[in-house]
Amino acid sequence: RFREQQELIAGYEVYGPQVAQLLNPGA
């Protein structure tokens, strides 16, 4: 039931793309 419970607070789409924008290149 992980996704259902996650959506109670903040779904991945809320933070995931913003975190991705901050990634620095590396190995």
mmCIF file of all heavy atoms, coordinates in Angstrom:
data_MODEL
# 
_entry.id   MODEL 
# 
loop_
_atom_site.group_PDB 
_atom_site.id 
_atom_site.type_symbol 
_atom_site.label_atom_id 
_atom_site.label_alt_id 
_atom_site.label_comp_id 
_atom_site.label_asym_id 
_atom_site.label_entity_id 
_atom_site.label_seq_id 
_atom_site.pdbx_PDB_ins_code 
_atom_site.Cartn_x 
_atom_site.Cartn_y 
_atom_site.Cartn_z 
_atom_site.occupancy 
_atom_site.B_iso_or_equiv 
_atom_site.pdbx_formal_charge 
_atom_site.auth_seq_id 
_atom_site.auth_comp_id 
_atom_site.auth_asym_id 
_atom_site.auth_atom_id 
_atom_site.pdbx_PDB_model_num 
ATOM 1   N N   . ARG A 1 1  ? 0.836  -1.206 0.000   1.00 0.00 ? 1  ARG A N   1 
ATOM 2   C CA  . ARG A 1 1  ? 0.000  0.000  0.000   1.00 0.00 ? 1  ARG A CA  1 
ATOM 3   C C   . ARG A 1 1  ? 0.870  1.254  0.000   1.00 0.00 ? 1  ARG A C   1 
ATOM 4   O O   . ARG A 1 1  ? 0.397  2.338  0.315   1.00 0.00 ? 1  ARG A O   1 
ATOM 5   C CB  . ARG A 1 1  ? -0.896 -0.002 1.239   1.00 0.00 ? 1  ARG A CB  1 
ATOM 6   C CG  . ARG A 1 1  ? -1.941 -1.105 1.240   1.00 0.00 ? 1  ARG A CG  1 
ATOM 7   C CD  . ARG A 1 1  ? -2.614 -1.224 2.599   1.00 0.00 ? 1  ARG A CD  1 
ATOM 8   N NE  . ARG A 1 1  ? -3.056 0.052  3.101   1.00 0.00 ? 1  ARG A NE  1 
ATOM 9   C CZ  . ARG A 1 1  ? -3.299 0.307  4.391   1.00 0.00 ? 1  ARG A CZ  1 
ATOM 10  N NH1 . ARG A 1 1  ? -3.118 -0.647 5.287   1.00 0.00 ? 1  ARG A NH1 1 
ATOM 11  N NH2 . ARG A 1 1  ? -3.701 1.492  4.779   1.00 0.00 ? 1  ARG A NH2 1 
ATOM 12  N N   . PHE A 1 2  ? 2.139  1.102  -0.384  1.00 0.00 ? 2  PHE A N   1 
ATOM 13  C CA  . PHE A 1 2  ? 3.083  2.212  -0.277  1.00 0.00 ? 2  PHE A CA  1 
ATOM 14  C C   . PHE A 1 2  ? 2.609  3.441  -1.043  1.00 0.00 ? 2  PHE A C   1 
ATOM 15  O O   . PHE A 1 2  ? 2.624  4.551  -0.516  1.00 0.00 ? 2  PHE A O   1 
ATOM 16  C CB  . PHE A 1 2  ? 4.453  1.774  -0.801  1.00 0.00 ? 2  PHE A CB  1 
ATOM 17  C CG  . PHE A 1 2  ? 5.472  2.881  -0.849  1.00 0.00 ? 2  PHE A CG  1 
ATOM 18  C CD1 . PHE A 1 2  ? 6.109  3.294  0.302   1.00 0.00 ? 2  PHE A CD1 1 
ATOM 19  C CD2 . PHE A 1 2  ? 5.762  3.521  -2.046  1.00 0.00 ? 2  PHE A CD2 1 
ATOM 20  C CE1 . PHE A 1 2  ? 7.050  4.311  0.265   1.00 0.00 ? 2  PHE A CE1 1 
ATOM 21  C CE2 . PHE A 1 2  ? 6.696  4.542  -2.098  1.00 0.00 ? 2  PHE A CE2 1 
ATOM 22  C CZ  . PHE A 1 2  ? 7.343  4.926  -0.938  1.00 0.00 ? 2  PHE A CZ  1 
ATOM 23  N N   . ARG A 1 3  ? 2.197  3.272  -2.304  1.00 0.00 ? 3  ARG A N   1 
ATOM 24  C CA  . ARG A 1 3  ? 1.826  4.427  -3.108  1.00 0.00 ? 3  ARG A CA  1 
ATOM 25  C C   . ARG A 1 3  ? 0.620  5.146  -2.522  1.00 0.00 ? 3  ARG A C   1 
ATOM 26  O O   . ARG A 1 3  ? 0.576  6.374  -2.464  1.00 0.00 ? 3  ARG A O   1 
ATOM 27  C CB  . ARG A 1 3  ? 1.538  4.009  -4.549  1.00 0.00 ? 3  ARG A CB  1 
ATOM 28  C CG  . ARG A 1 3  ? 1.193  5.181  -5.461  1.00 0.00 ? 3  ARG A CG  1 
ATOM 29  C CD  . ARG A 1 3  ? 1.062  4.733  -6.896  1.00 0.00 ? 3  ARG A CD  1 
ATOM 30  N NE  . ARG A 1 3  ? 2.326  4.254  -7.417  1.00 0.00 ? 3  ARG A NE  1 
ATOM 31  C CZ  . ARG A 1 3  ? 3.268  5.057  -7.898  1.00 0.00 ? 3  ARG A CZ  1 
ATOM 32  N NH1 . ARG A 1 3  ? 3.090  6.370  -7.889  1.00 0.00 ? 3  ARG A NH1 1 
ATOM 33  N NH2 . ARG A 1 3  ? 4.386  4.562  -8.378  1.00 0.00 ? 3  ARG A NH2 1 
ATOM 34  N N   . GLU A 1 4  ? -0.365 4.372  -2.069  1.00 0.00 ? 4  GLU A N   1 
ATOM 35  C CA  . GLU A 1 4  ? -1.553 4.975  -1.473  1.00 0.00 ? 4  GLU A CA  1 
ATOM 36  C C   . GLU A 1 4  ? -1.191 5.840  -0.277  1.00 0.00 ? 4  GLU A C   1 
ATOM 37  O O   . GLU A 1 4  ? -1.688 6.959  -0.124  1.00 0.00 ? 4  GLU A O   1 
ATOM 38  C CB  . GLU A 1 4  ? -2.520 3.869  -1.050  1.00 0.00 ? 4  GLU A CB  1 
ATOM 39  C CG  . GLU A 1 4  ? -3.745 4.352  -0.277  1.00 0.00 ? 4  GLU A CG  1 
ATOM 40  C CD  . GLU A 1 4  ? -4.551 3.192  0.284   1.00 0.00 ? 4  GLU A CD  1 
ATOM 41  O OE1 . GLU A 1 4  ? -4.394 2.064  -0.209  1.00 0.00 ? 4  GLU A OE1 1 
ATOM 42  O OE2 . GLU A 1 4  ? -5.335 3.438  1.218   1.00 0.00 ? 4  GLU A OE2 1 
ATOM 43  N N   . GLN A 1 5  ? -0.313 5.340  0.581   1.00 0.00 ? 5  GLN A N   1 
ATOM 44  C CA  . GLN A 1 5  ? 0.069  6.092  1.771   1.00 0.00 ? 5  GLN A CA  1 
ATOM 45  C C   . GLN A 1 5  ? 0.954  7.280  1.420   1.00 0.00 ? 5  GLN A C   1 
ATOM 46  O O   . GLN A 1 5  ? 0.869  8.341  2.034   1.00 0.00 ? 5  GLN A O   1 
ATOM 47  C CB  . GLN A 1 5  ? 0.770  5.151  2.752   1.00 0.00 ? 5  GLN A CB  1 
ATOM 48  C CG  . GLN A 1 5  ? -0.181 4.154  3.364   1.00 0.00 ? 5  GLN A CG  1 
ATOM 49  C CD  . GLN A 1 5  ? 0.505  2.863  3.748   1.00 0.00 ? 5  GLN A CD  1 
ATOM 50  O OE1 . GLN A 1 5  ? 1.617  2.589  3.326   1.00 0.00 ? 5  GLN A OE1 1 
ATOM 51  N NE2 . GLN A 1 5  ? -0.170 2.044  4.549   1.00 0.00 ? 5  GLN A NE2 1 
ATOM 52  N N   . GLN A 1 6  ? 1.829  7.102  0.401   1.00 0.00 ? 6  GLN A N   1 
ATOM 53  C CA  . GLN A 1 6  ? 2.679  8.198  -0.027  1.00 0.00 ? 6  GLN A CA  1 
ATOM 54  C C   . GLN A 1 6  ? 1.840  9.370  -0.530  1.00 0.00 ? 6  GLN A C   1 
ATOM 55  O O   . GLN A 1 6  ? 2.149  10.539 -0.267  1.00 0.00 ? 6  GLN A O   1 
ATOM 56  C CB  . GLN A 1 6  ? 3.628  7.711  -1.124  1.00 0.00 ? 6  GLN A CB  1 
ATOM 57  C CG  . GLN A 1 6  ? 4.678  8.722  -1.561  1.00 0.00 ? 6  GLN A CG  1 
ATOM 58  C CD  . GLN A 1 6  ? 5.523  8.184  -2.688  1.00 0.00 ? 6  GLN A CD  1 
ATOM 59  O OE1 . GLN A 1 6  ? 4.989  7.681  -3.673  1.00 0.00 ? 6  GLN A OE1 1 
ATOM 60  N NE2 . GLN A 1 6  ? 6.828  8.268  -2.560  1.00 0.00 ? 6  GLN A NE2 1 
ATOM 61  N N   . GLU A 1 7  ? 0.765  9.050  -1.250  1.00 0.00 ? 7  GLU A N   1 
ATOM 62  C CA  . GLU A 1 7  ? -0.075 10.094 -1.813  1.00 0.00 ? 7  GLU A CA  1 
ATOM 63  C C   . GLU A 1 7  ? -0.808 10.890 -0.734  1.00 0.00 ? 7  GLU A C   1 
ATOM 64  O O   . GLU A 1 7  ? -1.263 12.000 -0.992  1.00 0.00 ? 7  GLU A O   1 
ATOM 65  C CB  . GLU A 1 7  ? -1.095 9.485  -2.788  1.00 0.00 ? 7  GLU A CB  1 
ATOM 66  C CG  . GLU A 1 7  ? -0.478 8.858  -4.026  1.00 0.00 ? 7  GLU A CG  1 
ATOM 67  C CD  . GLU A 1 7  ? 0.166  9.876  -4.946  1.00 0.00 ? 7  GLU A CD  1 
ATOM 68  O OE1 . GLU A 1 7  ? -0.170 11.060 -4.833  1.00 0.00 ? 7  GLU A OE1 1 
ATOM 69  O OE2 . GLU A 1 7  ? 1.017  9.466  -5.763  1.00 0.00 ? 7  GLU A OE2 1 
ATOM 70  N N   . LEU A 1 8  ? -0.932 10.327 0.472   1.00 0.00 ? 8  LEU A N   1 
ATOM 71  C CA  . LEU A 1 8  ? -1.566 11.077 1.553   1.00 0.00 ? 8  LEU A CA  1 
ATOM 72  C C   . LEU A 1 8  ? -0.777 12.335 1.888   1.00 0.00 ? 8  LEU A C   1 
ATOM 73  O O   . LEU A 1 8  ? -1.331 13.322 2.385   1.00 0.00 ? 8  LEU A O   1 
ATOM 74  C CB  . LEU A 1 8  ? -1.674 10.198 2.805   1.00 0.00 ? 8  LEU A CB  1 
ATOM 75  C CG  . LEU A 1 8  ? -2.664 9.034  2.762   1.00 0.00 ? 8  LEU A CG  1 
ATOM 76  C CD1 . LEU A 1 8  ? -2.517 8.177  4.006   1.00 0.00 ? 8  LEU A CD1 1 
ATOM 77  C CD2 . LEU A 1 8  ? -4.094 9.543  2.621   1.00 0.00 ? 8  LEU A CD2 1 
ATOM 78  N N   . ILE A 1 9  ? 0.522  12.313 1.646   1.00 0.00 ? 9  ILE A N   1 
ATOM 79  C CA  . ILE A 1 9  ? 1.380  13.444 2.009   1.00 0.00 ? 9  ILE A CA  1 
ATOM 80  C C   . ILE A 1 9  ? 1.934  14.115 0.775   1.00 0.00 ? 9  ILE A C   1 
ATOM 81  O O   . ILE A 1 9  ? 1.657  15.278 0.500   1.00 0.00 ? 9  ILE A O   1 
ATOM 82  C CB  . ILE A 1 9  ? 2.515  12.977 2.942   1.00 0.00 ? 9  ILE A CB  1 
ATOM 83  C CG1 . ILE A 1 9  ? 1.932  12.438 4.254   1.00 0.00 ? 9  ILE A CG1 1 
ATOM 84  C CG2 . ILE A 1 9  ? 3.479  14.120 3.230   1.00 0.00 ? 9  ILE A CG2 1 
ATOM 85  C CD1 . ILE A 1 9  ? 2.959  11.914 5.226   1.00 0.00 ? 9  ILE A CD1 1 
ATOM 86  N N   . ALA A 1 10 ? 2.750  13.394 -0.003  1.00 0.00 ? 10 ALA A N   1 
ATOM 87  C CA  . ALA A 1 10 ? 3.370  13.994 -1.190  1.00 0.00 ? 10 ALA A CA  1 
ATOM 88  C C   . ALA A 1 10 ? 3.770  12.890 -2.148  1.00 0.00 ? 10 ALA A C   1 
ATOM 89  O O   . ALA A 1 10 ? 4.601  12.048 -1.813  1.00 0.00 ? 10 ALA A O   1 
ATOM 90  C CB  . ALA A 1 10 ? 4.586  14.826 -0.801  1.00 0.00 ? 10 ALA A CB  1 
ATOM 91  N N   . GLY A 1 11 ? 3.191  12.890 -3.333  1.00 0.00 ? 11 GLY A N   1 
ATOM 92  C CA  . GLY A 1 11 ? 3.539  11.905 -4.332  1.00 0.00 ? 11 GLY A CA  1 
ATOM 93  C C   . GLY A 1 11 ? 4.895  12.193 -4.957  1.00 0.00 ? 11 GLY A C   1 
ATOM 94  O O   . GLY A 1 11 ? 5.417  13.317 -4.875  1.00 0.00 ? 11 GLY A O   1 
ATOM 95  N N   . TYR A 1 12 ? 5.445  11.196 -5.627  1.00 0.00 ? 12 TYR A N   1 
ATOM 96  C CA  . TYR A 1 12 ? 6.775  11.329 -6.227  1.00 0.00 ? 12 TYR A CA  1 
ATOM 97  C C   . TYR A 1 12 ? 6.852  12.505 -7.188  1.00 0.00 ? 12 TYR A C   1 
ATOM 98  O O   . TYR A 1 12 ? 7.869  13.191 -7.264  1.00 0.00 ? 12 TYR A O   1 
ATOM 99  C CB  . TYR A 1 12 ? 7.131  10.029 -6.944  1.00 0.00 ? 12 TYR A CB  1 
ATOM 100 C CG  . TYR A 1 12 ? 8.346  10.143 -7.820  1.00 0.00 ? 12 TYR A CG  1 
ATOM 101 C CD1 . TYR A 1 12 ? 9.620  10.099 -7.270  1.00 0.00 ? 12 TYR A CD1 1 
ATOM 102 C CD2 . TYR A 1 12 ? 8.226  10.319 -9.200  1.00 0.00 ? 12 TYR A CD2 1 
ATOM 103 C CE1 . TYR A 1 12 ? 10.750 10.227 -8.072  1.00 0.00 ? 12 TYR A CE1 1 
ATOM 104 C CE2 . TYR A 1 12 ? 9.342  10.443 -10.000 1.00 0.00 ? 12 TYR A CE2 1 
ATOM 105 C CZ  . TYR A 1 12 ? 10.601 10.399 -9.436  1.00 0.00 ? 12 TYR A CZ  1 
ATOM 106 O OH  . TYR A 1 12 ? 11.708 10.534 -10.232 1.00 0.00 ? 12 TYR A OH  1 
ATOM 107 N N   . GLU A 1 13 ? 5.780  12.741 -7.932  1.00 0.00 ? 13 GLU A N   1 
ATOM 108 C CA  . GLU A 1 13 ? 5.810  13.807 -8.931  1.00 0.00 ? 13 GLU A CA  1 
ATOM 109 C C   . GLU A 1 13 ? 5.990  15.192 -8.322  1.00 0.00 ? 13 GLU A C   1 
ATOM 110 O O   . GLU A 1 13 ? 6.378  16.142 -9.013  1.00 0.00 ? 13 GLU A O   1 
ATOM 111 C CB  . GLU A 1 13 ? 4.531  13.782 -9.775  1.00 0.00 ? 13 GLU A CB  1 
ATOM 112 C CG  . GLU A 1 13 ? 3.258  14.185 -9.044  1.00 0.00 ? 13 GLU A CG  1 
ATOM 113 C CD  . GLU A 1 13 ? 2.677  13.059 -8.172  1.00 0.00 ? 13 GLU A CD  1 
ATOM 114 O OE1 . GLU A 1 13 ? 3.226  11.934 -8.210  1.00 0.00 ? 13 GLU A OE1 1 
ATOM 115 O OE2 . GLU A 1 13 ? 1.689  13.323 -7.452  1.00 0.00 ? 13 GLU A OE2 1 
ATOM 116 N N   . VAL A 1 14 ? 5.746  15.313 -7.026  1.00 0.00 ? 14 VAL A N   1 
ATOM 117 C CA  . VAL A 1 14 ? 5.886  16.613 -6.364  1.00 0.00 ? 14 VAL A CA  1 
ATOM 118 C C   . VAL A 1 14 ? 7.350  16.989 -6.191  1.00 0.00 ? 14 VAL A C   1 
ATOM 119 O O   . VAL A 1 14 ? 7.733  18.153 -6.344  1.00 0.00 ? 14 VAL A O   1 
ATOM 120 C CB  . VAL A 1 14 ? 5.180  16.584 -4.986  1.00 0.00 ? 14 VAL A CB  1 
ATOM 121 C CG1 . VAL A 1 14 ? 5.473  17.853 -4.198  1.00 0.00 ? 14 VAL A CG1 1 
ATOM 122 C CG2 . VAL A 1 14 ? 3.677  16.408 -5.168  1.00 0.00 ? 14 VAL A CG2 1 
ATOM 123 N N   . TYR A 1 15 ? 8.194  16.003 -5.859  1.00 0.00 ? 15 TYR A N   1 
ATOM 124 C CA  . TYR A 1 15 ? 9.590  16.319 -5.560  1.00 0.00 ? 15 TYR A CA  1 
ATOM 125 C C   . TYR A 1 15 ? 10.587 15.695 -6.529  1.00 0.00 ? 15 TYR A C   1 
ATOM 126 O O   . TYR A 1 15 ? 11.681 16.223 -6.734  1.00 0.00 ? 15 TYR A O   1 
ATOM 127 C CB  . TYR A 1 15 ? 9.936  15.879 -4.128  1.00 0.00 ? 15 TYR A CB  1 
ATOM 128 C CG  . TYR A 1 15 ? 9.676  14.423 -3.865  1.00 0.00 ? 15 TYR A CG  1 
ATOM 129 C CD1 . TYR A 1 15 ? 10.610 13.444 -4.191  1.00 0.00 ? 15 TYR A CD1 1 
ATOM 130 C CD2 . TYR A 1 15 ? 8.477  14.000 -3.291  1.00 0.00 ? 15 TYR A CD2 1 
ATOM 131 C CE1 . TYR A 1 15 ? 10.365 12.102 -3.956  1.00 0.00 ? 15 TYR A CE1 1 
ATOM 132 C CE2 . TYR A 1 15 ? 8.225  12.658 -3.056  1.00 0.00 ? 15 TYR A CE2 1 
ATOM 133 C CZ  . TYR A 1 15 ? 9.166  11.714 -3.387  1.00 0.00 ? 15 TYR A CZ  1 
ATOM 134 O OH  . TYR A 1 15 ? 8.926  10.385 -3.161  1.00 0.00 ? 15 TYR A OH  1 
ATOM 135 N N   . GLY A 1 16 ? 10.253 14.569 -7.149  1.00 0.00 ? 16 GLY A N   1 
ATOM 136 C CA  . GLY A 1 16 ? 11.201 13.843 -7.981  1.00 0.00 ? 16 GLY A CA  1 
ATOM 137 C C   . GLY A 1 16 ? 11.837 14.660 -9.086  1.00 0.00 ? 16 GLY A C   1 
ATOM 138 O O   . GLY A 1 16 ? 13.079 14.732 -9.191  1.00 0.00 ? 16 GLY A O   1 
ATOM 139 N N   . PRO A 1 17 ? 11.046 15.322 -9.950  1.00 0.00 ? 17 PRO A N   1 
ATOM 140 C CA  . PRO A 1 17 ? 11.653 16.102 -11.032 1.00 0.00 ? 17 PRO A CA  1 
ATOM 141 C C   . PRO A 1 17 ? 12.536 17.243 -10.528 1.00 0.00 ? 17 PRO A C   1 
ATOM 142 O O   . PRO A 1 17 ? 13.561 17.559 -11.158 1.00 0.00 ? 17 PRO A O   1 
ATOM 143 C CB  . PRO A 1 17 ? 10.429 16.644 -11.791 1.00 0.00 ? 17 PRO A CB  1 
ATOM 144 C CG  . PRO A 1 17 ? 9.338  15.662 -11.488 1.00 0.00 ? 17 PRO A CG  1 
ATOM 145 C CD  . PRO A 1 17 ? 9.579  15.241 -10.069 1.00 0.00 ? 17 PRO A CD  1 
ATOM 146 N N   . GLN A 1 18 ? 12.178 17.838 -9.396  1.00 0.00 ? 18 GLN A N   1 
ATOM 147 C CA  . GLN A 1 18 ? 12.995 18.933 -8.865  1.00 0.00 ? 18 GLN A CA  1 
ATOM 148 C C   . GLN A 1 18 ? 14.332 18.419 -8.335  1.00 0.00 ? 18 GLN A C   1 
ATOM 149 O O   . GLN A 1 18 ? 15.369 19.067 -8.500  1.00 0.00 ? 18 GLN A O   1 
ATOM 150 C CB  . GLN A 1 18 ? 12.237 19.663 -7.757  1.00 0.00 ? 18 GLN A CB  1 
ATOM 151 C CG  . GLN A 1 18 ? 10.977 20.361 -8.244  1.00 0.00 ? 18 GLN A CG  1 
ATOM 152 C CD  . GLN A 1 18 ? 10.332 21.189 -7.154  1.00 0.00 ? 18 GLN A CD  1 
ATOM 153 O OE1 . GLN A 1 18 ? 10.779 22.282 -6.818  1.00 0.00 ? 18 GLN A OE1 1 
ATOM 154 N NE2 . GLN A 1 18 ? 9.257  20.662 -6.579  1.00 0.00 ? 18 GLN A NE2 1 
ATOM 155 N N   . VAL A 1 19 ? 14.320 17.247 -7.700  1.00 0.00 ? 19 VAL A N   1 
ATOM 156 C CA  . VAL A 1 19 ? 15.576 16.650 -7.247  1.00 0.00 ? 19 VAL A CA  1 
ATOM 157 C C   . VAL A 1 19 ? 16.459 16.334 -8.450  1.00 0.00 ? 19 VAL A C   1 
ATOM 158 O O   . VAL A 1 19 ? 17.669 16.579 -8.441  1.00 0.00 ? 19 VAL A O   1 
ATOM 159 C CB  . VAL A 1 19 ? 15.311 15.381 -6.410  1.00 0.00 ? 19 VAL A CB  1 
ATOM 160 C CG1 . VAL A 1 19 ? 16.627 14.701 -6.032  1.00 0.00 ? 19 VAL A CG1 1 
ATOM 161 C CG2 . VAL A 1 19 ? 14.515 15.722 -5.147  1.00 0.00 ? 19 VAL A CG2 1 
ATOM 162 N N   . ALA A 1 20 ? 15.861 15.808 -9.503  1.00 0.00 ? 20 ALA A N   1 
ATOM 163 C CA  . ALA A 1 20 ? 16.625 15.445 -10.700 1.00 0.00 ? 20 ALA A CA  1 
ATOM 164 C C   . ALA A 1 20 ? 17.328 16.657 -11.297 1.00 0.00 ? 20 ALA A C   1 
ATOM 165 O O   . ALA A 1 20 ? 18.448 16.549 -11.815 1.00 0.00 ? 20 ALA A O   1 
ATOM 166 C CB  . ALA A 1 20 ? 15.703 14.796 -11.727 1.00 0.00 ? 20 ALA A CB  1 
ATOM 167 N N   . GLN A 1 21 ? 16.701 17.805 -11.231 1.00 0.00 ? 21 GLN A N   1 
ATOM 168 C CA  . GLN A 1 21 ? 17.304 19.014 -11.796 1.00 0.00 ? 21 GLN A CA  1 
ATOM 169 C C   . GLN A 1 21 ? 18.568 19.431 -11.051 1.00 0.00 ? 21 GLN A C   1 
ATOM 170 O O   . GLN A 1 21 ? 19.411 20.140 -11.613 1.00 0.00 ? 21 GLN A O   1 
ATOM 171 C CB  . GLN A 1 21 ? 16.295 20.162 -11.776 1.00 0.00 ? 21 GLN A CB  1 
ATOM 172 C CG  . GLN A 1 21 ? 15.156 19.980 -12.774 1.00 0.00 ? 21 GLN A CG  1 
ATOM 173 C CD  . GLN A 1 21 ? 14.147 21.110 -12.709 1.00 0.00 ? 21 GLN A CD  1 
ATOM 174 O OE1 . GLN A 1 21 ? 14.314 22.083 -11.970 1.00 0.00 ? 21 GLN A OE1 1 
ATOM 175 N NE2 . GLN A 1 21 ? 13.083 20.997 -13.488 1.00 0.00 ? 21 GLN A NE2 1 
ATOM 176 N N   . LEU A 1 22 ? 18.712 19.003 -9.805  1.00 0.00 ? 22 LEU A N   1 
ATOM 177 C CA  . LEU A 1 22 ? 19.875 19.397 -9.005  1.00 0.00 ? 22 LEU A CA  1 
ATOM 178 C C   . LEU A 1 22 ? 21.035 18.414 -9.123  1.00 0.00 ? 22 LEU A C   1 
ATOM 179 O O   . LEU A 1 22 ? 22.117 18.678 -8.594  1.00 0.00 ? 22 LEU A O   1 
ATOM 180 C CB  . LEU A 1 22 ? 19.475 19.530 -7.530  1.00 0.00 ? 22 LEU A CB  1 
ATOM 181 C CG  . LEU A 1 22 ? 18.444 20.613 -7.194  1.00 0.00 ? 22 LEU A CG  1 
ATOM 182 C CD1 . LEU A 1 22 ? 18.124 20.590 -5.698  1.00 0.00 ? 22 LEU A CD1 1 
ATOM 183 C CD2 . LEU A 1 22 ? 18.928 21.985 -7.605  1.00 0.00 ? 22 LEU A CD2 1 
ATOM 184 N N   . LEU A 1 23 ? 20.839 17.289 -9.805  1.00 0.00 ? 23 LEU A N   1 
ATOM 185 C CA  . LEU A 1 23 ? 21.890 16.288 -9.903  1.00 0.00 ? 23 LEU A CA  1 
ATOM 186 C C   . LEU A 1 23 ? 23.104 16.811 -10.662 1.00 0.00 ? 23 LEU A C   1 
ATOM 187 O O   . LEU A 1 23 ? 22.976 17.403 -11.735 1.00 0.00 ? 23 LEU A O   1 
ATOM 188 C CB  . LEU A 1 23 ? 21.364 15.038 -10.612 1.00 0.00 ? 23 LEU A CB  1 
ATOM 189 C CG  . LEU A 1 23 ? 20.523 14.059 -9.788  1.00 0.00 ? 23 LEU A CG  1 
ATOM 190 C CD1 . LEU A 1 23 ? 19.854 13.049 -10.715 1.00 0.00 ? 23 LEU A CD1 1 
ATOM 191 C CD2 . LEU A 1 23 ? 21.363 13.363 -8.729  1.00 0.00 ? 23 LEU A CD2 1 
ATOM 192 N N   . ASN A 1 24 ? 24.277 16.586 -10.101 1.00 0.00 ? 24 ASN A N   1 
ATOM 193 C CA  . ASN A 1 24 ? 25.529 16.893 -10.785 1.00 0.00 ? 24 ASN A CA  1 
ATOM 194 C C   . ASN A 1 24 ? 26.003 15.659 -11.546 1.00 0.00 ? 24 ASN A C   1 
ATOM 195 O O   . ASN A 1 24 ? 25.774 14.533 -11.103 1.00 0.00 ? 24 ASN A O   1 
ATOM 196 C CB  . ASN A 1 24 ? 26.601 17.318 -9.784  1.00 0.00 ? 24 ASN A CB  1 
ATOM 197 C CG  . ASN A 1 24 ? 26.299 18.662 -9.152  1.00 0.00 ? 24 ASN A CG  1 
ATOM 198 O OD1 . ASN A 1 24 ? 25.586 19.487 -9.714  1.00 0.00 ? 24 ASN A OD1 1 
ATOM 199 N ND2 . ASN A 1 24 ? 26.836 18.885 -7.965  1.00 0.00 ? 24 ASN A ND2 1 
ATOM 200 N N   . PRO A 1 25 ? 26.669 15.834 -12.675 1.00 0.00 ? 25 PRO A N   1 
ATOM 201 C CA  . PRO A 1 25 ? 27.172 14.669 -13.412 1.00 0.00 ? 25 PRO A CA  1 
ATOM 202 C C   . PRO A 1 25 ? 28.251 13.933 -12.638 1.00 0.00 ? 25 PRO A C   1 
ATOM 203 O O   . PRO A 1 25 ? 28.987 14.531 -11.845 1.00 0.00 ? 25 PRO A O   1 
ATOM 204 C CB  . PRO A 1 25 ? 27.727 15.281 -14.707 1.00 0.00 ? 25 PRO A CB  1 
ATOM 205 C CG  . PRO A 1 25 ? 28.037 16.698 -14.346 1.00 0.00 ? 25 PRO A CG  1 
ATOM 206 C CD  . PRO A 1 25 ? 27.016 17.105 -13.327 1.00 0.00 ? 25 PRO A CD  1 
ATOM 207 N N   . GLY A 1 26 ? 28.358 12.633 -12.830 1.00 0.00 ? 26 GLY A N   1 
ATOM 208 C CA  . GLY A 1 26 ? 29.369 11.833 -12.149 1.00 0.00 ? 26 GLY A CA  1 
ATOM 209 C C   . GLY A 1 26 ? 29.319 10.399 -12.628 1.00 0.00 ? 26 GLY A C   1 
ATOM 210 O O   . GLY A 1 26 ? 28.521 10.040 -13.504 1.00 0.00 ? 26 GLY A O   1 
ATOM 211 N N   . ALA A 1 27 ? 30.155 9.558  -12.043 1.00 0.00 ? 27 ALA A N   1 
ATOM 212 C CA  . ALA A 1 27 ? 30.236 8.159  -12.465 1.00 0.00 ? 27 ALA A CA  1 
ATOM 213 C C   . ALA A 1 27 ? 29.322 7.255  -11.649 1.00 0.00 ? 27 ALA A C   1 
ATOM 214 O O   . ALA A 1 27 ? 28.737 6.307  -12.181 1.00 0.00 ? 27 ALA A O   1 
ATOM 215 C CB  . ALA A 1 27 ? 31.682 7.670  -12.355 1.00 0.00 ? 27 ALA A CB  1 
# 
